[in-house]
Protein backbone atom coordinates (compact mmCIF):
# COMPACT_ATOMS: atom_id res chain seq x y z
CA MET A 1 28.50 -11.39 -6.68
CA ILE A 2 25.96 -8.88 -5.39
CA THR A 3 25.44 -9.17 -1.65
CA ARG A 4 23.51 -5.97 -1.00
CA ILE A 5 21.70 -3.33 -3.01
CA GLU A 6 22.83 0.28 -3.12
CA GLY A 7 21.23 3.14 -4.96
CA PRO A 8 17.68 4.30 -5.49
CA THR A 9 14.77 2.89 -3.54
CA PRO A 10 11.88 2.33 -5.95
CA GLU A 11 9.86 0.47 -3.30
CA ARG A 12 9.73 3.63 -1.20
CA ASP A 13 8.65 5.67 -4.23
CA ILE A 14 5.95 3.14 -5.05
CA ALA A 15 4.66 3.13 -1.46
CA ARG A 16 4.53 6.92 -1.44
CA ASP A 17 2.66 6.90 -4.73
CA LEU A 18 0.22 4.31 -3.40
CA THR A 19 -0.33 6.45 -0.30
CA ARG A 20 -1.01 9.51 -2.45
CA LYS A 21 -3.50 7.56 -4.54
CA ALA A 22 -5.18 6.17 -1.42
CA LEU A 23 -5.62 9.70 -0.11
CA LEU A 24 -7.20 10.68 -3.44
CA VAL A 25 -9.84 7.93 -3.42
CA SER A 26 -10.47 7.67 0.32
CA PRO A 27 -12.94 10.58 0.60
CA ALA A 28 -15.20 9.00 -2.03
CA ALA A 29 -15.09 5.58 -0.36
CA ILE A 30 -15.72 7.08 3.08
CA VAL A 31 -18.70 9.07 1.79
CA VAL A 32 -20.22 6.12 -0.11
CA PHE A 33 -19.95 3.71 2.82
CA GLY A 34 -21.02 6.49 5.17
CA LEU A 35 -24.20 6.96 3.15
CA ILE A 36 -24.93 3.24 3.26
CA TRP A 37 -23.87 2.36 6.84
CA GLY A 38 -23.86 5.77 8.48
CA VAL A 39 -21.08 7.21 10.59
CA ASP A 40 -19.98 3.74 11.69
CA GLY A 41 -19.51 2.69 8.07
CA ALA A 42 -17.50 5.82 7.35
CA LEU A 43 -15.28 5.23 10.40
CA SER A 44 -14.78 1.57 9.50
CA THR A 45 -13.85 2.53 5.95
CA ALA A 46 -11.37 5.16 7.12
CA TYR A 47 -9.81 2.64 9.51
CA ALA A 48 -9.44 0.06 6.71
CA ILE A 49 -7.81 2.63 4.41
CA ALA A 50 -5.39 3.58 7.18
CA ILE A 51 -4.47 -0.09 7.61
CA VAL A 52 -3.84 -0.45 3.86
CA VAL A 53 -1.61 2.63 3.77
CA VAL A 54 0.39 1.49 6.82
CA ASN A 55 0.72 -1.97 5.26
CA PHE A 56 2.22 -0.58 2.03
CA LEU A 57 4.53 1.81 3.88
CA LEU A 58 5.71 -0.94 6.22
CA ALA A 59 6.40 -3.28 3.29
CA ALA A 60 8.47 -0.61 1.58
CA ALA A 61 10.37 0.19 4.76
CA LEU A 62 11.19 -3.47 5.36
CA LEU A 63 12.44 -3.98 1.81
CA THR A 64 14.40 -0.72 1.70
CA PHE A 65 16.09 -1.39 5.02
CA SER A 66 16.88 -5.05 4.38
CA ALA A 67 18.16 -4.50 0.81
CA ARG A 68 20.93 -2.25 2.13
CA ILE A 69 22.12 -5.05 4.44
CA SER A 70 21.93 -8.12 2.20
CA VAL A 71 19.96 -9.61 -0.66
CA GLY A 72 19.19 -12.71 1.40
CA LEU A 73 17.76 -10.60 4.20
CA MET A 74 15.65 -8.72 1.67
CA MET A 75 14.21 -12.00 0.37
CA GLY A 76 13.45 -13.08 3.92
CA ALA A 77 11.90 -9.69 4.69
CA ALA A 78 9.70 -10.00 1.61
CA LEU A 79 8.44 -13.45 2.55
CA PHE A 80 8.23 -13.26 6.31
CA GLY A 81 7.36 -9.57 6.25
CA TYR A 82 4.27 -10.47 4.23
CA LEU A 83 3.24 -13.03 6.82
CA ILE A 84 3.92 -10.63 9.68
CA ARG A 85 1.96 -7.85 7.96
CA LEU A 86 -0.98 -10.22 7.43
CA GLY A 87 -0.85 -10.92 11.16
CA LEU A 88 -0.77 -7.20 11.90
CA ILE A 89 -3.82 -6.63 9.69
CA PHE A 90 -5.65 -9.38 11.55
CA ALA A 91 -4.55 -7.93 14.90
CA ALA A 92 -5.69 -4.44 13.85
CA PHE A 93 -9.11 -5.88 13.06
CA TRP A 94 -9.27 -8.08 16.15
CA VAL A 95 -8.54 -5.17 18.47
CA VAL A 96 -11.60 -3.25 17.27
CA HIS A 97 -13.96 -5.95 15.99
CA ASP A 98 -16.27 -5.52 19.01
CA ALA A 99 -16.14 -1.72 19.03
CA SER A 100 -19.48 0.02 18.69
CA TRP A 101 -18.34 1.87 15.55
CA MET A 102 -16.97 -1.18 13.70
CA GLU A 103 -19.02 -2.27 10.71
CA VAL A 104 -17.40 -5.44 9.39
CA VAL A 105 -18.84 -5.42 5.88
CA PRO A 106 -17.61 -1.96 4.77
CA PHE A 107 -14.33 -2.59 6.60
CA GLY A 108 -13.76 -5.88 4.76
CA ILE A 109 -14.82 -4.55 1.38
CA THR A 110 -12.62 -1.50 1.77
CA LEU A 111 -9.64 -3.54 2.95
CA VAL A 112 -9.74 -5.95 0.01
CA VAL A 113 -10.78 -3.51 -2.73
CA THR A 114 -8.32 -0.83 -1.63
CA HIS A 115 -5.39 -3.26 -1.53
CA LEU A 116 -6.17 -4.74 -4.93
CA GLY A 117 -7.35 -1.51 -6.52
CA LEU A 118 -4.24 0.42 -5.56
CA LEU A 119 -1.96 -2.41 -6.68
CA PHE A 120 -3.65 -2.64 -10.08
CA TRP A 121 -3.64 1.14 -10.43
CA GLU A 122 0.07 1.24 -9.62
CA MET A 123 0.79 -1.70 -11.93
CA HIS A 124 -0.29 0.46 -14.83
CA TYR A 125 2.34 3.09 -14.00
CA VAL A 126 5.08 0.59 -13.19
CA SER A 127 4.61 -1.19 -16.50
CA ALA A 128 4.53 2.15 -18.31
CA SER A 129 7.73 3.37 -16.70
CA LEU A 130 10.03 0.51 -15.82
CA ALA A 131 12.93 2.90 -15.34
CA PHE A 132 11.14 4.83 -12.58
CA PRO A 133 8.35 2.75 -11.01
CA GLY A 134 5.80 4.60 -8.96
CA LEU A 135 6.39 7.80 -10.85
CA LYS A 136 4.75 9.01 -14.01
CA PRO A 137 7.47 9.30 -16.65
CA ALA A 138 8.25 12.82 -17.79
CA SER A 139 7.89 13.36 -21.50
CA GLN A 140 11.19 13.56 -23.31
CA THR A 141 11.90 14.88 -26.74
CA ASN A 142 13.76 12.69 -29.18
CA LYS A 143 17.25 13.98 -29.69
CA GLU A 144 19.10 12.97 -32.81
CA SER A 145 22.80 12.20 -32.31
């Protein structure tokens, strides 16, 4: 019976890949919302992207840490960690919702679209490379035995 998980940590690799992809698309999103809502829109967008990246990294850290202790703890970390991270996202918004630079519409759009967009983007690579999720598979030549 497996009580804990040893070995590679694909969740950490996936979170790093998601962070890299977020850093690739963030300048475009910041510029677009900056053109529409000005500097405040750009700042709100950057803040939302930072929240998304921290959310993915925190999820990976929770799962990586808990999997090495026990499978049951990992399941609890997945479920309750999700609820806690939702609370942290709400708290991160609530802390700055009255700030002069906070534009709620670009913040909300960025938060939702970035979460879903990055997950769908990553899903393509995970389904293409089940052996190494989060990483683009290296091409291999067929070797005849």
